[in-house]
Amino acid sequence: MADIQLSSGRKGRLAAPRIDLTPMVDLGFLLITFFMYTTTMTESKMMDINMPFNPPPPGTTTAFIESATVTIIPSDAHRFFYYEGTAKSETDLRKLSLAELRNTILNKQKVLNTTTAERTEEARKLHVIIKPDDHSKYEDVISILDEMTINAIPYYAIADLTDEEQQWVTKRLQ
């Protein structure tokens, strides 16, 4: 324990008391060790996104199976648009909410699973293209990526919105 040692000096004058702090240092190290062992170390929560390192050369297109492709366009004010296959006009865009997005994905997966056996296994898997609008929120894109993980969508990509699609979305928002 800590003790105060008083020593009498010459001529009857008392020296300043000296406190032994060794036990206090030991206690400090014991507390630090205790708290280090008892706290839980939280792991950072990250989502893996595989993005291409080098952009493809201009004029190169990626082939998607039209019947198994859904394009989702997050837009302003938490509004979403989607179309299946290739959109040919503004009327192909369908508006939906985030709550309806999961049902749409699940329904499309069910349809693909019931397609005839003449299609390959890859043709029966859903391909999703996410094309954020210029006014979309980061939160909406992350919500869509979460839906891809929840619904175990094997193939999805983030792409740029074409000028034509941007015009269609702008018209639908007005």
N, C-alpha and C. Protein backbone atom coordinates (compact mmCIF):
# COMPACT_ATOMS: atom_id res chain seq x y z
N MET A 1 0.85 -1.18 0.00
CA MET A 1 0.00 0.00 0.00
C MET A 1 0.89 1.23 0.00
N ALA A 2 0.24 2.34 -0.30
CA ALA A 2 0.98 3.59 -0.29
C ALA A 2 1.20 4.01 1.15
N ASP A 3 2.37 4.43 1.39
CA ASP A 3 2.66 4.90 2.75
C ASP A 3 3.42 6.20 2.67
N ILE A 4 3.25 6.96 3.67
CA ILE A 4 3.95 8.23 3.76
C ILE A 4 5.09 8.03 4.73
N GLN A 5 6.26 8.29 4.23
CA GLN A 5 7.44 8.11 5.07
C GLN A 5 7.92 9.48 5.50
N LEU A 6 7.91 9.65 6.77
CA LEU A 6 8.42 10.91 7.33
C LEU A 6 9.79 10.63 7.94
N SER A 7 10.71 11.37 7.48
CA SER A 7 12.04 11.21 8.08
C SER A 7 12.44 12.52 8.71
N SER A 8 13.00 12.38 9.85
CA SER A 8 13.41 13.61 10.52
C SER A 8 14.83 13.95 10.07
N GLY A 9 15.01 15.16 9.66
CA GLY A 9 16.31 15.61 9.20
C GLY A 9 17.12 16.17 10.35
N ARG A 10 18.22 16.78 9.99
CA ARG A 10 19.05 17.37 11.03
C ARG A 10 18.37 18.61 11.59
N LYS A 11 18.69 18.90 12.72
CA LYS A 11 18.22 20.06 13.47
C LYS A 11 16.71 20.06 13.64
N GLY A 12 16.10 18.93 13.63
CA GLY A 12 14.70 18.81 13.97
C GLY A 12 13.74 19.28 12.89
N ARG A 13 14.26 19.57 11.71
CA ARG A 13 13.36 19.98 10.65
C ARG A 13 12.81 18.73 9.96
N LEU A 14 11.50 18.74 9.64
CA LEU A 14 10.90 17.60 8.97
C LEU A 14 11.06 17.75 7.46
N ALA A 15 11.37 16.66 6.81
CA ALA A 15 11.48 16.67 5.34
C ALA A 15 10.08 16.51 4.74
N ALA A 16 9.93 16.87 3.47
CA ALA A 16 8.64 16.75 2.79
C ALA A 16 8.29 15.27 2.69
N PRO A 17 7.00 14.93 2.86
CA PRO A 17 6.62 13.51 2.80
C PRO A 17 6.82 12.98 1.37
N ARG A 18 7.20 11.72 1.26
CA ARG A 18 7.43 11.06 -0.03
C ARG A 18 6.40 9.94 -0.16
N ILE A 19 5.64 9.96 -1.26
CA ILE A 19 4.59 8.96 -1.46
C ILE A 19 5.09 7.96 -2.50
N ASP A 20 4.95 6.69 -2.18
CA ASP A 20 5.36 5.63 -3.10
C ASP A 20 4.18 5.36 -4.06
N LEU A 21 4.35 5.67 -5.36
CA LEU A 21 3.28 5.56 -6.34
C LEU A 21 3.35 4.26 -7.15
N THR A 22 4.22 3.37 -6.81
CA THR A 22 4.34 2.11 -7.55
C THR A 22 3.04 1.33 -7.59
N PRO A 23 2.33 1.17 -6.48
CA PRO A 23 1.05 0.44 -6.55
C PRO A 23 0.01 1.14 -7.43
N MET A 24 0.03 2.45 -7.48
CA MET A 24 -0.92 3.17 -8.33
C MET A 24 -0.63 2.91 -9.81
N VAL A 25 0.63 2.84 -10.19
CA VAL A 25 1.00 2.54 -11.57
C VAL A 25 0.57 1.12 -11.91
N ASP A 26 0.78 0.18 -10.98
CA ASP A 26 0.34 -1.20 -11.20
C ASP A 26 -1.17 -1.26 -11.39
N LEU A 27 -1.89 -0.53 -10.58
CA LEU A 27 -3.35 -0.50 -10.70
C LEU A 27 -3.78 0.09 -12.04
N GLY A 28 -3.10 1.12 -12.50
CA GLY A 28 -3.41 1.73 -13.79
C GLY A 28 -3.23 0.73 -14.93
N PHE A 29 -2.13 0.01 -14.91
CA PHE A 29 -1.89 -0.99 -15.95
C PHE A 29 -2.90 -2.13 -15.88
N LEU A 30 -3.29 -2.52 -14.68
CA LEU A 30 -4.31 -3.55 -14.55
C LEU A 30 -5.65 -3.09 -15.12
N LEU A 31 -6.02 -1.84 -14.88
CA LEU A 31 -7.27 -1.31 -15.43
C LEU A 31 -7.22 -1.21 -16.95
N ILE A 32 -6.10 -0.75 -17.48
CA ILE A 32 -5.97 -0.66 -18.94
C ILE A 32 -6.09 -2.04 -19.56
N THR A 33 -5.40 -3.01 -18.97
CA THR A 33 -5.45 -4.38 -19.47
C THR A 33 -6.87 -4.94 -19.39
N PHE A 34 -7.54 -4.70 -18.27
CA PHE A 34 -8.90 -5.19 -18.09
C PHE A 34 -9.84 -4.62 -19.16
N PHE A 35 -9.77 -3.32 -19.39
CA PHE A 35 -10.67 -2.70 -20.36
C PHE A 35 -10.33 -3.10 -21.79
N MET A 36 -9.07 -3.36 -22.07
CA MET A 36 -8.71 -3.82 -23.42
C MET A 36 -9.25 -5.21 -23.68
N TYR A 37 -9.23 -6.07 -22.69
CA TYR A 37 -9.72 -7.43 -22.88
C TYR A 37 -11.25 -7.52 -22.87
N THR A 38 -11.91 -6.65 -22.15
CA THR A 38 -13.37 -6.76 -22.03
C THR A 38 -14.14 -6.00 -23.09
N THR A 39 -13.51 -5.06 -23.77
CA THR A 39 -14.25 -4.35 -24.81
C THR A 39 -14.31 -5.20 -26.07
N THR A 40 -15.39 -5.04 -26.81
CA THR A 40 -15.51 -5.79 -28.05
C THR A 40 -15.00 -4.91 -29.17
N MET A 41 -14.17 -5.47 -29.97
CA MET A 41 -13.63 -4.74 -31.10
C MET A 41 -14.63 -4.90 -32.26
N THR A 42 -15.16 -3.79 -32.74
CA THR A 42 -16.12 -3.85 -33.83
C THR A 42 -15.37 -3.85 -35.16
N GLU A 43 -15.84 -4.69 -36.05
CA GLU A 43 -15.26 -4.74 -37.38
C GLU A 43 -15.98 -3.73 -38.25
N SER A 44 -15.26 -3.11 -39.14
CA SER A 44 -15.90 -2.16 -40.03
C SER A 44 -16.81 -2.91 -40.99
N LYS A 45 -17.95 -2.32 -41.25
CA LYS A 45 -18.93 -2.94 -42.12
C LYS A 45 -18.82 -2.30 -43.50
N MET A 46 -18.39 -3.10 -44.45
CA MET A 46 -18.21 -2.59 -45.81
C MET A 46 -18.92 -3.50 -46.78
N MET A 47 -19.28 -2.94 -47.89
CA MET A 47 -19.90 -3.71 -48.95
C MET A 47 -18.89 -3.82 -50.08
N ASP A 48 -18.72 -5.01 -50.61
CA ASP A 48 -17.81 -5.20 -51.72
C ASP A 48 -18.49 -4.79 -53.02
N ILE A 49 -17.84 -3.91 -53.72
CA ILE A 49 -18.32 -3.50 -55.03
C ILE A 49 -17.18 -3.72 -56.00
N ASN A 50 -17.41 -4.52 -57.00
CA ASN A 50 -16.40 -4.78 -58.01
C ASN A 50 -16.61 -3.81 -59.17
N MET A 51 -15.76 -2.84 -59.25
CA MET A 51 -15.84 -1.85 -60.32
C MET A 51 -14.69 -2.11 -61.27
N PRO A 52 -14.89 -1.85 -62.56
CA PRO A 52 -13.79 -2.06 -63.50
C PRO A 52 -12.66 -1.07 -63.25
N PHE A 53 -11.44 -1.57 -63.37
CA PHE A 53 -10.28 -0.71 -63.12
C PHE A 53 -10.08 0.24 -64.29
N ASN A 54 -10.08 -0.28 -65.49
CA ASN A 54 -9.93 0.55 -66.68
C ASN A 54 -11.26 0.61 -67.42
N PRO A 55 -11.66 1.81 -67.84
CA PRO A 55 -12.91 1.90 -68.60
C PRO A 55 -12.74 1.25 -69.96
N PRO A 56 -13.82 0.69 -70.50
CA PRO A 56 -13.71 0.08 -71.82
C PRO A 56 -13.45 1.15 -72.87
N PRO A 57 -12.85 0.78 -73.98
CA PRO A 57 -12.60 1.77 -75.04
C PRO A 57 -13.91 2.34 -75.57
N PRO A 58 -13.89 3.57 -76.05
CA PRO A 58 -15.11 4.18 -76.58
C PRO A 58 -15.68 3.36 -77.75
N GLY A 59 -16.98 3.25 -77.77
CA GLY A 59 -17.63 2.50 -78.83
C GLY A 59 -17.82 1.04 -78.50
N THR A 60 -17.25 0.56 -77.39
CA THR A 60 -17.39 -0.83 -76.99
C THR A 60 -18.65 -0.96 -76.15
N THR A 61 -19.45 -1.95 -76.44
CA THR A 61 -20.66 -2.18 -75.66
C THR A 61 -20.56 -3.53 -74.97
N THR A 62 -21.27 -3.66 -73.88
CA THR A 62 -21.33 -4.92 -73.15
C THR A 62 -22.65 -5.59 -73.49
N ALA A 63 -22.61 -6.85 -73.80
CA ALA A 63 -23.83 -7.56 -74.19
C ALA A 63 -24.54 -8.09 -72.95
N PHE A 64 -25.83 -7.80 -72.86
CA PHE A 64 -26.67 -8.32 -71.80
C PHE A 64 -27.81 -9.10 -72.44
N ILE A 65 -28.27 -10.10 -71.78
CA ILE A 65 -29.40 -10.85 -72.28
C ILE A 65 -30.65 -10.02 -72.01
N GLU A 66 -31.33 -9.64 -73.05
CA GLU A 66 -32.42 -8.67 -72.92
C GLU A 66 -33.55 -9.16 -72.03
N SER A 67 -33.91 -10.42 -72.12
CA SER A 67 -35.03 -10.92 -71.33
C SER A 67 -34.68 -11.06 -69.85
N ALA A 68 -33.39 -11.05 -69.52
CA ALA A 68 -32.98 -11.22 -68.13
C ALA A 68 -32.37 -9.94 -67.55
N THR A 69 -32.60 -8.82 -68.21
CA THR A 69 -31.98 -7.57 -67.78
C THR A 69 -33.03 -6.59 -67.28
N VAL A 70 -32.73 -5.98 -66.15
CA VAL A 70 -33.56 -4.92 -65.59
C VAL A 70 -32.65 -3.73 -65.33
N THR A 71 -33.06 -2.56 -65.77
CA THR A 71 -32.30 -1.34 -65.53
C THR A 71 -33.06 -0.51 -64.51
N ILE A 72 -32.36 -0.11 -63.45
CA ILE A 72 -32.97 0.68 -62.38
C ILE A 72 -32.32 2.06 -62.39
N ILE A 73 -33.16 3.09 -62.38
CA ILE A 73 -32.66 4.47 -62.40
C ILE A 73 -33.14 5.18 -61.14
N PRO A 74 -32.26 5.35 -60.13
CA PRO A 74 -32.66 6.17 -58.98
C PRO A 74 -32.64 7.65 -59.39
N SER A 75 -33.65 8.38 -58.93
CA SER A 75 -33.76 9.77 -59.33
C SER A 75 -33.97 10.66 -58.11
N ASP A 76 -34.36 11.88 -58.37
CA ASP A 76 -34.54 12.88 -57.33
C ASP A 76 -35.69 12.51 -56.39
N ALA A 77 -35.59 12.93 -55.13
CA ALA A 77 -36.64 12.77 -54.12
C ALA A 77 -37.01 11.31 -53.90
N HIS A 78 -36.03 10.42 -53.90
CA HIS A 78 -36.20 9.00 -53.61
C HIS A 78 -37.20 8.33 -54.56
N ARG A 79 -37.19 8.75 -55.80
CA ARG A 79 -38.03 8.13 -56.82
C ARG A 79 -37.17 7.23 -57.69
N PHE A 80 -37.74 6.12 -58.11
CA PHE A 80 -37.02 5.15 -58.91
C PHE A 80 -37.81 4.86 -60.18
N PHE A 81 -37.06 4.64 -61.26
CA PHE A 81 -37.65 4.20 -62.52
C PHE A 81 -36.94 2.92 -62.92
N TYR A 82 -37.66 2.07 -63.64
CA TYR A 82 -37.01 0.87 -64.14
C TYR A 82 -37.63 0.47 -65.46
N TYR A 83 -36.87 -0.28 -66.20
CA TYR A 83 -37.40 -0.89 -67.41
C TYR A 83 -36.72 -2.23 -67.61
N GLU A 84 -37.39 -3.10 -68.32
CA GLU A 84 -36.86 -4.43 -68.59
C GLU A 84 -36.33 -4.46 -70.01
N GLY A 85 -35.21 -5.14 -70.19
CA GLY A 85 -34.62 -5.25 -71.52
C GLY A 85 -34.06 -3.92 -71.97
N THR A 86 -34.41 -3.54 -73.18
CA THR A 86 -33.95 -2.29 -73.77
C THR A 86 -35.12 -1.33 -73.88
N ALA A 87 -34.96 -0.12 -73.38
CA ALA A 87 -36.03 0.88 -73.46
C ALA A 87 -35.96 1.55 -74.83
N LYS A 88 -37.11 1.60 -75.48
CA LYS A 88 -37.16 2.20 -76.81
C LYS A 88 -37.80 3.59 -76.78
N SER A 89 -38.57 3.86 -75.71
CA SER A 89 -39.21 5.17 -75.59
C SER A 89 -39.45 5.48 -74.12
N GLU A 90 -39.93 6.68 -73.89
CA GLU A 90 -40.20 7.13 -72.52
C GLU A 90 -41.29 6.30 -71.85
N THR A 91 -42.19 5.74 -72.63
CA THR A 91 -43.29 4.95 -72.06
C THR A 91 -42.83 3.63 -71.47
N ASP A 92 -41.61 3.19 -71.82
CA ASP A 92 -41.08 1.95 -71.25
C ASP A 92 -40.65 2.12 -69.79
N LEU A 93 -40.41 3.37 -69.36
CA LEU A 93 -40.01 3.62 -67.98
C LEU A 93 -41.21 3.43 -67.05
N ARG A 94 -41.01 2.67 -66.01
CA ARG A 94 -42.06 2.49 -65.00
C ARG A 94 -41.55 3.06 -63.68
N LYS A 95 -42.43 3.77 -63.01
CA LYS A 95 -42.07 4.40 -61.75
C LYS A 95 -42.39 3.45 -60.60
N LEU A 96 -41.50 3.39 -59.61
CA LEU A 96 -41.76 2.56 -58.44
C LEU A 96 -41.05 3.16 -57.23
N SER A 97 -41.45 2.71 -56.06
CA SER A 97 -40.81 3.15 -54.82
C SER A 97 -39.79 2.12 -54.39
N LEU A 98 -39.03 2.45 -53.39
CA LEU A 98 -38.01 1.52 -52.90
C LEU A 98 -38.66 0.26 -52.33
N ALA A 99 -39.82 0.41 -51.72
CA ALA A 99 -40.52 -0.76 -51.17
C ALA A 99 -40.98 -1.70 -52.28
N GLU A 100 -41.36 -1.15 -53.43
CA GLU A 100 -41.80 -1.97 -54.55
C GLU A 100 -40.63 -2.59 -55.32
N LEU A 101 -39.45 -2.06 -55.11
CA LEU A 101 -38.28 -2.54 -55.85
C LEU A 101 -37.99 -4.00 -55.54
N ARG A 102 -38.04 -4.38 -54.28
CA ARG A 102 -37.77 -5.77 -53.91
C ARG A 102 -38.77 -6.72 -54.55
N ASN A 103 -40.05 -6.37 -54.53
CA ASN A 103 -41.06 -7.22 -55.15
C ASN A 103 -40.84 -7.35 -56.66
N THR A 104 -40.44 -6.26 -57.28
CA THR A 104 -40.18 -6.29 -58.72
C THR A 104 -39.02 -7.23 -59.03
N ILE A 105 -37.97 -7.15 -58.25
CA ILE A 105 -36.80 -8.02 -58.45
C ILE A 105 -37.17 -9.48 -58.22
N LEU A 106 -37.91 -9.74 -57.14
CA LEU A 106 -38.31 -11.12 -56.85
C LEU A 106 -39.22 -11.69 -57.94
N ASN A 107 -40.15 -10.89 -58.43
CA ASN A 107 -41.04 -11.35 -59.50
C ASN A 107 -40.26 -11.65 -60.77
N LYS A 108 -39.31 -10.79 -61.10
CA LYS A 108 -38.50 -11.02 -62.30
C LYS A 108 -37.66 -12.30 -62.16
N GLN A 109 -37.13 -12.54 -60.95
CA GLN A 109 -36.37 -13.77 -60.73
C GLN A 109 -37.26 -15.01 -60.88
N LYS A 110 -38.49 -14.94 -60.39
CA LYS A 110 -39.42 -16.07 -60.54
C LYS A 110 -39.71 -16.35 -62.00
N VAL A 111 -39.92 -15.29 -62.78
CA VAL A 111 -40.19 -15.45 -64.20
C VAL A 111 -38.99 -16.10 -64.89
N LEU A 112 -37.80 -15.66 -64.56
CA LEU A 112 -36.60 -16.22 -65.18
C LEU A 112 -36.38 -17.68 -64.79
N ASN A 113 -36.74 -18.04 -63.57
CA ASN A 113 -36.57 -19.43 -63.13
C ASN A 113 -37.54 -20.37 -63.82
N THR A 114 -38.65 -19.84 -64.31
CA THR A 114 -39.63 -20.69 -64.99
C THR A 114 -39.47 -20.68 -66.49
N THR A 115 -38.42 -20.05 -67.01
CA THR A 115 -38.21 -20.06 -68.46
C THR A 115 -37.84 -21.45 -68.92
N THR A 116 -37.99 -21.68 -70.19
CA THR A 116 -37.76 -23.01 -70.74
C THR A 116 -36.29 -23.41 -70.61
N ALA A 117 -36.06 -24.70 -70.68
CA ALA A 117 -34.71 -25.24 -70.50
C ALA A 117 -33.81 -24.97 -71.69
N GLU A 118 -34.36 -24.48 -72.79
CA GLU A 118 -33.50 -24.21 -73.94
C GLU A 118 -32.55 -23.05 -73.68
N ARG A 119 -32.88 -22.26 -72.69
CA ARG A 119 -31.98 -21.17 -72.29
C ARG A 119 -30.89 -21.73 -71.39
N THR A 120 -29.73 -21.11 -71.44
CA THR A 120 -28.64 -21.55 -70.57
C THR A 120 -28.91 -21.12 -69.14
N GLU A 121 -28.13 -21.65 -68.24
CA GLU A 121 -28.27 -21.30 -66.82
C GLU A 121 -28.00 -19.81 -66.60
N GLU A 122 -27.02 -19.27 -67.33
CA GLU A 122 -26.69 -17.84 -67.19
C GLU A 122 -27.83 -16.96 -67.69
N ALA A 123 -28.56 -17.44 -68.68
CA ALA A 123 -29.67 -16.66 -69.22
C ALA A 123 -30.83 -16.60 -68.24
N ARG A 124 -30.86 -17.51 -67.32
CA ARG A 124 -31.95 -17.52 -66.34
C ARG A 124 -31.58 -16.80 -65.05
N LYS A 125 -30.44 -16.13 -65.03
CA LYS A 125 -30.06 -15.32 -63.87
C LYS A 125 -30.29 -13.85 -64.20
N LEU A 126 -30.76 -13.13 -63.20
CA LEU A 126 -31.11 -11.72 -63.40
C LEU A 126 -29.85 -10.86 -63.50
N HIS A 127 -29.85 -9.96 -64.48
CA HIS A 127 -28.79 -8.98 -64.65
C HIS A 127 -29.40 -7.60 -64.39
N VAL A 128 -28.81 -6.85 -63.47
CA VAL A 128 -29.35 -5.54 -63.11
C VAL A 128 -28.32 -4.47 -63.46
N ILE A 129 -28.79 -3.44 -64.13
CA ILE A 129 -27.94 -2.28 -64.45
C ILE A 129 -28.48 -1.12 -63.64
N ILE A 130 -27.64 -0.52 -62.85
CA ILE A 130 -28.02 0.63 -62.01
C ILE A 130 -27.45 1.88 -62.67
N LYS A 131 -28.34 2.79 -63.04
CA LYS A 131 -27.92 4.02 -63.73
C LYS A 131 -28.42 5.22 -62.92
N PRO A 132 -27.61 5.74 -62.01
CA PRO A 132 -28.06 6.88 -61.19
C PRO A 132 -28.26 8.14 -62.04
N ASP A 133 -29.33 8.83 -61.72
CA ASP A 133 -29.64 10.11 -62.34
C ASP A 133 -28.68 11.16 -61.78
N ASP A 134 -28.58 12.31 -62.47
CA ASP A 134 -27.70 13.38 -61.98
C ASP A 134 -28.16 13.93 -60.63
N HIS A 135 -29.44 13.82 -60.34
CA HIS A 135 -29.99 14.37 -59.10
C HIS A 135 -30.29 13.29 -58.06
N SER A 136 -29.84 12.08 -58.29
CA SER A 136 -30.12 11.00 -57.34
C SER A 136 -29.29 11.17 -56.08
N LYS A 137 -29.76 10.58 -55.02
CA LYS A 137 -29.08 10.65 -53.73
C LYS A 137 -28.18 9.43 -53.56
N TYR A 138 -27.09 9.62 -52.89
CA TYR A 138 -26.15 8.54 -52.59
C TYR A 138 -26.85 7.44 -51.81
N GLU A 139 -27.72 7.84 -50.91
CA GLU A 139 -28.49 6.90 -50.08
C GLU A 139 -29.33 5.94 -50.94
N ASP A 140 -29.89 6.46 -52.03
CA ASP A 140 -30.71 5.61 -52.90
C ASP A 140 -29.87 4.57 -53.63
N VAL A 141 -28.69 4.96 -54.07
CA VAL A 141 -27.81 4.00 -54.75
C VAL A 141 -27.38 2.91 -53.78
N ILE A 142 -27.06 3.29 -52.55
CA ILE A 142 -26.68 2.31 -51.54
C ILE A 142 -27.87 1.39 -51.22
N SER A 143 -29.07 1.94 -51.19
CA SER A 143 -30.26 1.10 -50.95
C SER A 143 -30.44 0.07 -52.05
N ILE A 144 -30.19 0.47 -53.29
CA ILE A 144 -30.30 -0.48 -54.40
C ILE A 144 -29.21 -1.55 -54.29
N LEU A 145 -27.99 -1.14 -53.93
CA LEU A 145 -26.91 -2.12 -53.76
C LEU A 145 -27.23 -3.08 -52.62
N ASP A 146 -27.88 -2.58 -51.57
CA ASP A 146 -28.31 -3.46 -50.49
C ASP A 146 -29.34 -4.47 -50.99
N GLU A 147 -30.25 -4.03 -51.83
CA GLU A 147 -31.25 -4.95 -52.40
C GLU A 147 -30.58 -6.03 -53.25
N MET A 148 -29.51 -5.66 -53.95
CA MET A 148 -28.78 -6.66 -54.75
C MET A 148 -28.18 -7.73 -53.84
N THR A 149 -27.67 -7.31 -52.70
CA THR A 149 -27.08 -8.26 -51.76
C THR A 149 -28.17 -9.11 -51.09
N ILE A 150 -29.24 -8.48 -50.67
CA ILE A 150 -30.33 -9.19 -49.99
C ILE A 150 -30.95 -10.24 -50.90
N ASN A 151 -31.18 -9.87 -52.17
CA ASN A 151 -31.84 -10.78 -53.11
C ASN A 151 -30.87 -11.68 -53.84
N ALA A 152 -29.60 -11.62 -53.49
CA ALA A 152 -28.54 -12.47 -54.07
C ALA A 152 -28.53 -12.38 -55.60
N ILE A 153 -28.52 -11.15 -56.10
CA ILE A 153 -28.43 -10.93 -57.54
C ILE A 153 -26.96 -11.14 -57.93
N PRO A 154 -26.68 -12.11 -58.81
CA PRO A 154 -25.29 -12.42 -59.11
C PRO A 154 -24.62 -11.39 -60.02
N TYR A 155 -25.39 -10.77 -60.90
CA TYR A 155 -24.80 -9.84 -61.86
C TYR A 155 -25.48 -8.49 -61.77
N TYR A 156 -24.71 -7.48 -61.37
CA TYR A 156 -25.21 -6.12 -61.37
C TYR A 156 -24.05 -5.18 -61.64
N ALA A 157 -24.36 -4.05 -62.22
CA ALA A 157 -23.33 -3.09 -62.58
C ALA A 157 -23.88 -1.68 -62.43
N ILE A 158 -22.98 -0.75 -62.18
CA ILE A 158 -23.33 0.66 -62.14
C ILE A 158 -22.82 1.27 -63.43
N ALA A 159 -23.72 1.91 -64.17
CA ALA A 159 -23.37 2.50 -65.46
C ALA A 159 -23.86 3.94 -65.52
N ASP A 160 -23.41 4.63 -66.53
CA ASP A 160 -23.83 6.01 -66.74
C ASP A 160 -25.17 6.04 -67.48
N LEU A 161 -25.95 7.03 -67.13
CA LEU A 161 -27.24 7.24 -67.78
C LEU A 161 -27.00 7.90 -69.14
N THR A 162 -27.63 7.40 -70.17
CA THR A 162 -27.47 8.01 -71.50
C THR A 162 -28.24 9.32 -71.54
N ASP A 163 -27.91 10.16 -72.50
CA ASP A 163 -28.60 11.45 -72.64
C ASP A 163 -30.09 11.25 -72.91
N GLU A 164 -30.41 10.26 -73.70
CA GLU A 164 -31.80 9.97 -74.02
C GLU A 164 -32.58 9.54 -72.77
N GLU A 165 -31.97 8.66 -71.98
CA GLU A 165 -32.62 8.22 -70.74
C GLU A 165 -32.76 9.38 -69.76
N GLN A 166 -31.77 10.26 -69.72
CA GLN A 166 -31.83 11.44 -68.84
C GLN A 166 -33.02 12.32 -69.24
N GLN A 167 -33.25 12.49 -70.51
CA GLN A 167 -34.39 13.30 -70.98
C GLN A 167 -35.71 12.63 -70.60
N TRP A 168 -35.78 11.31 -70.73
CA TRP A 168 -37.00 10.60 -70.37
C TRP A 168 -37.32 10.77 -68.88
N VAL A 169 -36.29 10.63 -68.05
CA VAL A 169 -36.49 10.76 -66.60
C VAL A 169 -36.91 12.18 -66.25
N THR A 170 -36.28 13.16 -66.89
CA THR A 170 -36.63 14.56 -66.62
C THR A 170 -38.08 14.84 -66.98
N LYS A 171 -38.55 14.29 -68.11
CA LYS A 171 -39.95 14.47 -68.51
C LYS A 171 -40.89 13.81 -67.51
N ARG A 172 -40.53 12.63 -67.06
CA ARG A 172 -41.40 11.89 -66.12
C ARG A 172 -41.46 12.57 -64.75
N LEU A 173 -40.41 13.30 -64.37
CA LEU A 173 -40.40 13.97 -63.06
C LEU A 173 -41.24 15.25 -63.06
N GLN A 174 -41.50 15.80 -64.22
CA GLN A 174 -42.26 17.06 -64.27
C GLN A 174 -43.73 16.85 -64.13
